[in-house]
Amino acid sequence: MSTPTNDRLSQLRNLLENDPHDAFCMYGIAMEHAKSDAHQEAIAWFDKTMETDPAYCYAWFHKARSQESMGDQAGAIATLQDGIEQAKSHGDQHAEDEMGGFLQSIL
């Protein structure tokens, strides 16, 4: 019997096969890995999401959370700083505020 996370991962991967440039599916795969504490895998999928759609601001936020969970504070700070710039350039005030708050909490 597979876990719900594995079911979701399977569904997301199937959707991604149909549209390999679907940033939403990539982000979903990354989030499933992050929820399972598979942070290295999550970071790789967040990177793919950001490469596909740099305006997907929450990929930056959650990548930084995974980095911080792995003890990579410097990486998380750099990701947040880049993500804040992306959010500003795309007019995503909410994401900018959340990343700024997270940045302040780990500095």
N, C-alpha and C. Protein backbone atom coordinates (compact mmCIF):
# COMPACT_ATOMS: atom_id res chain seq x y z
N MET A 1 0.84 -1.17 0.00
CA MET A 1 0.00 0.00 0.00
C MET A 1 0.89 1.24 0.00
N SER A 2 0.65 2.15 -0.91
CA SER A 2 1.48 3.35 -0.99
C SER A 2 0.92 4.44 -0.10
N THR A 3 1.81 5.32 0.33
CA THR A 3 1.38 6.43 1.17
C THR A 3 0.74 7.50 0.30
N PRO A 4 -0.07 8.37 0.89
CA PRO A 4 -0.67 9.46 0.11
C PRO A 4 0.39 10.32 -0.57
N THR A 5 1.53 10.53 0.09
CA THR A 5 2.59 11.32 -0.52
C THR A 5 3.08 10.65 -1.79
N ASN A 6 3.28 9.33 -1.75
CA ASN A 6 3.72 8.62 -2.94
C ASN A 6 2.67 8.70 -4.04
N ASP A 7 1.40 8.62 -3.64
CA ASP A 7 0.32 8.75 -4.63
C ASP A 7 0.36 10.13 -5.28
N ARG A 8 0.52 11.16 -4.48
CA ARG A 8 0.58 12.53 -5.02
C ARG A 8 1.81 12.70 -5.90
N LEU A 9 2.94 12.18 -5.46
CA LEU A 9 4.14 12.27 -6.28
C LEU A 9 3.93 11.59 -7.62
N SER A 10 3.32 10.43 -7.59
CA SER A 10 3.06 9.69 -8.83
C SER A 10 2.13 10.48 -9.74
N GLN A 11 1.09 11.05 -9.18
CA GLN A 11 0.16 11.85 -9.97
C GLN A 11 0.85 13.08 -10.57
N LEU A 12 1.65 13.75 -9.76
CA LEU A 12 2.35 14.94 -10.24
C LEU A 12 3.35 14.60 -11.34
N ARG A 13 4.06 13.48 -11.16
CA ARG A 13 5.02 13.07 -12.20
C ARG A 13 4.31 12.72 -13.50
N ASN A 14 3.15 12.08 -13.40
CA ASN A 14 2.38 11.78 -14.61
C ASN A 14 1.94 13.05 -15.31
N LEU A 15 1.47 14.04 -14.54
CA LEU A 15 1.09 15.32 -15.13
C LEU A 15 2.29 16.00 -15.78
N LEU A 16 3.43 15.92 -15.13
CA LEU A 16 4.64 16.55 -15.66
C LEU A 16 5.08 15.89 -16.97
N GLU A 17 4.88 14.59 -17.08
CA GLU A 17 5.20 13.90 -18.34
C GLU A 17 4.38 14.48 -19.49
N ASN A 18 3.14 14.84 -19.21
CA ASN A 18 2.28 15.41 -20.25
C ASN A 18 2.68 16.83 -20.61
N ASP A 19 3.23 17.57 -19.66
CA ASP A 19 3.67 18.95 -19.89
C ASP A 19 4.96 19.18 -19.12
N PRO A 20 6.11 18.87 -19.74
CA PRO A 20 7.41 18.95 -19.04
C PRO A 20 7.80 20.35 -18.60
N HIS A 21 7.04 21.36 -19.00
CA HIS A 21 7.37 22.74 -18.61
C HIS A 21 6.36 23.30 -17.61
N ASP A 22 5.67 22.42 -16.91
CA ASP A 22 4.64 22.82 -15.96
C ASP A 22 5.27 23.11 -14.60
N ALA A 23 5.51 24.39 -14.33
CA ALA A 23 6.15 24.81 -13.08
C ALA A 23 5.31 24.42 -11.87
N PHE A 24 3.99 24.44 -12.01
CA PHE A 24 3.11 24.06 -10.91
C PHE A 24 3.37 22.62 -10.48
N CYS A 25 3.52 21.71 -11.44
CA CYS A 25 3.80 20.31 -11.11
C CYS A 25 5.18 20.17 -10.47
N MET A 26 6.16 20.88 -11.01
CA MET A 26 7.50 20.83 -10.42
C MET A 26 7.49 21.29 -8.97
N TYR A 27 6.79 22.40 -8.74
CA TYR A 27 6.66 22.95 -7.40
C TYR A 27 5.97 21.94 -6.48
N GLY A 28 4.92 21.31 -6.97
CA GLY A 28 4.21 20.30 -6.19
C GLY A 28 5.10 19.12 -5.82
N ILE A 29 5.91 18.67 -6.77
CA ILE A 29 6.85 17.58 -6.51
C ILE A 29 7.86 18.01 -5.44
N ALA A 30 8.36 19.23 -5.57
CA ALA A 30 9.31 19.76 -4.58
C ALA A 30 8.68 19.79 -3.20
N MET A 31 7.43 20.26 -3.11
CA MET A 31 6.76 20.36 -1.82
C MET A 31 6.53 18.98 -1.20
N GLU A 32 6.21 17.99 -2.01
CA GLU A 32 6.02 16.63 -1.49
C GLU A 32 7.33 16.11 -0.90
N HIS A 33 8.44 16.37 -1.58
CA HIS A 33 9.74 15.94 -1.05
C HIS A 33 10.07 16.69 0.24
N ALA A 34 9.78 17.98 0.28
CA ALA A 34 10.06 18.77 1.48
C ALA A 34 9.23 18.25 2.66
N LYS A 35 7.96 17.92 2.41
CA LYS A 35 7.11 17.39 3.48
C LYS A 35 7.63 16.07 4.02
N SER A 36 8.35 15.33 3.18
CA SER A 36 8.90 14.03 3.59
C SER A 36 10.33 14.16 4.12
N ASP A 37 10.78 15.40 4.33
CA ASP A 37 12.14 15.68 4.80
C ASP A 37 13.21 15.21 3.82
N ALA A 38 12.86 15.07 2.56
CA ALA A 38 13.83 14.75 1.51
C ALA A 38 14.28 16.09 0.90
N HIS A 39 14.98 16.87 1.72
CA HIS A 39 15.27 18.26 1.36
C HIS A 39 16.20 18.41 0.16
N GLN A 40 17.16 17.51 0.02
CA GLN A 40 18.06 17.60 -1.14
C GLN A 40 17.27 17.45 -2.44
N GLU A 41 16.37 16.49 -2.46
CA GLU A 41 15.52 16.26 -3.63
C GLU A 41 14.57 17.45 -3.83
N ALA A 42 14.04 17.96 -2.73
CA ALA A 42 13.15 19.13 -2.81
C ALA A 42 13.87 20.32 -3.42
N ILE A 43 15.09 20.57 -2.97
CA ILE A 43 15.86 21.71 -3.49
C ILE A 43 16.08 21.58 -4.99
N ALA A 44 16.38 20.37 -5.44
CA ALA A 44 16.58 20.16 -6.88
C ALA A 44 15.30 20.50 -7.65
N TRP A 45 14.14 20.11 -7.12
CA TRP A 45 12.88 20.41 -7.80
C TRP A 45 12.51 21.88 -7.69
N PHE A 46 12.82 22.52 -6.56
CA PHE A 46 12.59 23.97 -6.47
C PHE A 46 13.45 24.69 -7.51
N ASP A 47 14.69 24.23 -7.67
CA ASP A 47 15.57 24.83 -8.69
C ASP A 47 14.97 24.68 -10.09
N LYS A 48 14.44 23.49 -10.39
CA LYS A 48 13.82 23.27 -11.71
C LYS A 48 12.62 24.20 -11.89
N THR A 49 11.85 24.38 -10.81
CA THR A 49 10.69 25.28 -10.87
C THR A 49 11.14 26.69 -11.19
N MET A 50 12.17 27.16 -10.50
CA MET A 50 12.65 28.53 -10.69
C MET A 50 13.27 28.74 -12.06
N GLU A 51 13.93 27.71 -12.58
CA GLU A 51 14.49 27.80 -13.93
C GLU A 51 13.37 27.90 -14.96
N THR A 52 12.30 27.16 -14.74
CA THR A 52 11.17 27.15 -15.67
C THR A 52 10.37 28.44 -15.56
N ASP A 53 10.15 28.91 -14.34
CA ASP A 53 9.34 30.11 -14.11
C ASP A 53 9.91 30.90 -12.93
N PRO A 54 10.84 31.84 -13.20
CA PRO A 54 11.46 32.62 -12.12
C PRO A 54 10.44 33.42 -11.30
N ALA A 55 9.26 33.65 -11.84
CA ALA A 55 8.22 34.40 -11.12
C ALA A 55 7.49 33.53 -10.10
N TYR A 56 7.80 32.25 -10.03
CA TYR A 56 7.17 31.35 -9.06
C TYR A 56 7.84 31.59 -7.71
N CYS A 57 7.49 32.72 -7.09
CA CYS A 57 8.22 33.24 -5.93
C CYS A 57 8.25 32.29 -4.73
N TYR A 58 7.20 31.52 -4.54
CA TYR A 58 7.20 30.65 -3.37
C TYR A 58 8.19 29.50 -3.51
N ALA A 59 8.66 29.22 -4.70
CA ALA A 59 9.72 28.22 -4.86
C ALA A 59 10.98 28.72 -4.16
N TRP A 60 11.25 30.01 -4.26
CA TRP A 60 12.41 30.58 -3.59
C TRP A 60 12.27 30.43 -2.07
N PHE A 61 11.09 30.79 -1.57
CA PHE A 61 10.81 30.73 -0.14
C PHE A 61 11.00 29.32 0.40
N HIS A 62 10.38 28.35 -0.26
CA HIS A 62 10.42 26.98 0.26
C HIS A 62 11.78 26.32 0.02
N LYS A 63 12.49 26.73 -1.02
CA LYS A 63 13.86 26.24 -1.19
C LYS A 63 14.69 26.69 0.00
N ALA A 64 14.54 27.95 0.40
CA ALA A 64 15.28 28.46 1.55
C ALA A 64 14.91 27.72 2.82
N ARG A 65 13.64 27.38 2.98
CA ARG A 65 13.22 26.61 4.15
C ARG A 65 13.89 25.24 4.16
N SER A 66 13.98 24.59 3.01
CA SER A 66 14.67 23.29 2.94
C SER A 66 16.15 23.46 3.24
N GLN A 67 16.76 24.49 2.68
CA GLN A 67 18.17 24.72 2.96
C GLN A 67 18.41 24.94 4.45
N GLU A 68 17.56 25.74 5.06
CA GLU A 68 17.70 26.03 6.48
C GLU A 68 17.49 24.76 7.30
N SER A 69 16.54 23.92 6.90
CA SER A 69 16.29 22.65 7.59
C SER A 69 17.49 21.73 7.53
N MET A 70 18.29 21.85 6.47
CA MET A 70 19.48 21.03 6.31
C MET A 70 20.70 21.65 6.99
N GLY A 71 20.52 22.83 7.60
CA GLY A 71 21.65 23.49 8.26
C GLY A 71 22.45 24.41 7.36
N ASP A 72 21.97 24.66 6.15
CA ASP A 72 22.66 25.53 5.20
C ASP A 72 22.11 26.95 5.33
N GLN A 73 22.47 27.61 6.41
CA GLN A 73 21.95 28.95 6.66
C GLN A 73 22.43 29.94 5.60
N ALA A 74 23.69 29.85 5.21
CA ALA A 74 24.22 30.77 4.20
C ALA A 74 23.48 30.60 2.87
N GLY A 75 23.22 29.36 2.49
CA GLY A 75 22.48 29.09 1.26
C GLY A 75 21.05 29.62 1.34
N ALA A 76 20.43 29.44 2.51
CA ALA A 76 19.06 29.93 2.70
C ALA A 76 19.02 31.45 2.61
N ILE A 77 19.98 32.10 3.20
CA ILE A 77 20.03 33.57 3.15
C ILE A 77 20.19 34.05 1.72
N ALA A 78 21.11 33.43 0.98
CA ALA A 78 21.32 33.82 -0.43
C ALA A 78 20.06 33.58 -1.26
N THR A 79 19.41 32.45 -1.05
CA THR A 79 18.18 32.14 -1.78
C THR A 79 17.09 33.17 -1.46
N LEU A 80 16.95 33.51 -0.19
CA LEU A 80 15.94 34.50 0.20
C LEU A 80 16.24 35.87 -0.40
N GLN A 81 17.50 36.26 -0.38
CA GLN A 81 17.85 37.55 -0.97
C GLN A 81 17.52 37.58 -2.45
N ASP A 82 17.86 36.52 -3.17
CA ASP A 82 17.52 36.43 -4.60
C ASP A 82 16.00 36.38 -4.80
N GLY A 83 15.32 35.62 -3.94
CA GLY A 83 13.88 35.48 -4.05
C GLY A 83 13.15 36.80 -3.79
N ILE A 84 13.66 37.58 -2.85
CA ILE A 84 13.06 38.89 -2.57
C ILE A 84 13.19 39.78 -3.79
N GLU A 85 14.34 39.74 -4.45
CA GLU A 85 14.53 40.53 -5.67
C GLU A 85 13.57 40.07 -6.77
N GLN A 86 13.40 38.76 -6.90
CA GLN A 86 12.45 38.23 -7.90
C GLN A 86 11.03 38.69 -7.57
N ALA A 87 10.66 38.60 -6.30
CA ALA A 87 9.31 39.00 -5.90
C ALA A 87 9.09 40.49 -6.19
N LYS A 88 10.08 41.31 -5.89
CA LYS A 88 9.97 42.74 -6.18
C LYS A 88 9.79 42.97 -7.67
N SER A 89 10.59 42.29 -8.48
CA SER A 89 10.54 42.51 -9.92
C SER A 89 9.24 42.02 -10.54
N HIS A 90 8.56 41.09 -9.88
CA HIS A 90 7.29 40.57 -10.39
C HIS A 90 6.08 41.13 -9.63
N GLY A 91 6.34 42.05 -8.72
CA GLY A 91 5.24 42.70 -8.01
C GLY A 91 4.50 41.80 -7.04
N ASP A 92 5.17 40.79 -6.50
CA ASP A 92 4.54 39.87 -5.55
C ASP A 92 4.89 40.31 -4.13
N GLN A 93 4.14 41.27 -3.64
CA GLN A 93 4.39 41.85 -2.31
C GLN A 93 4.26 40.83 -1.20
N HIS A 94 3.27 39.95 -1.31
CA HIS A 94 3.05 38.95 -0.26
C HIS A 94 4.26 38.02 -0.13
N ALA A 95 4.74 37.51 -1.24
CA ALA A 95 5.92 36.64 -1.21
C ALA A 95 7.14 37.41 -0.71
N GLU A 96 7.27 38.65 -1.16
CA GLU A 96 8.40 39.48 -0.70
C GLU A 96 8.36 39.64 0.82
N ASP A 97 7.19 39.92 1.37
CA ASP A 97 7.05 40.10 2.81
C ASP A 97 7.36 38.80 3.57
N GLU A 98 6.85 37.68 3.07
CA GLU A 98 7.10 36.41 3.75
C GLU A 98 8.58 36.04 3.73
N MET A 99 9.21 36.24 2.57
CA MET A 99 10.64 35.93 2.50
C MET A 99 11.44 36.89 3.37
N GLY A 100 11.05 38.16 3.41
CA GLY A 100 11.73 39.12 4.27
C GLY A 100 11.62 38.75 5.74
N GLY A 101 10.43 38.31 6.15
CA GLY A 101 10.24 37.87 7.52
C GLY A 101 11.07 36.64 7.86
N PHE A 102 11.11 35.70 6.94
CA PHE A 102 11.91 34.48 7.17
C PHE A 102 13.39 34.86 7.22
N LEU A 103 13.82 35.73 6.31
CA LEU A 103 15.22 36.17 6.30
C LEU A 103 15.59 36.77 7.65
N GLN A 104 14.75 37.65 8.16
CA GLN A 104 15.03 38.30 9.46
C GLN A 104 15.10 37.27 10.59
N SER A 105 14.31 36.22 10.48
CA SER A 105 14.28 35.21 11.56
C SER A 105 15.54 34.33 11.59
N ILE A 106 16.26 34.26 10.47
CA ILE A 106 17.46 33.40 10.45
C ILE A 106 18.76 34.18 10.44
N LEU A 107 18.66 35.50 10.36
CA LEU A 107 19.90 36.30 10.38
C LEU A 107 20.48 36.35 11.78
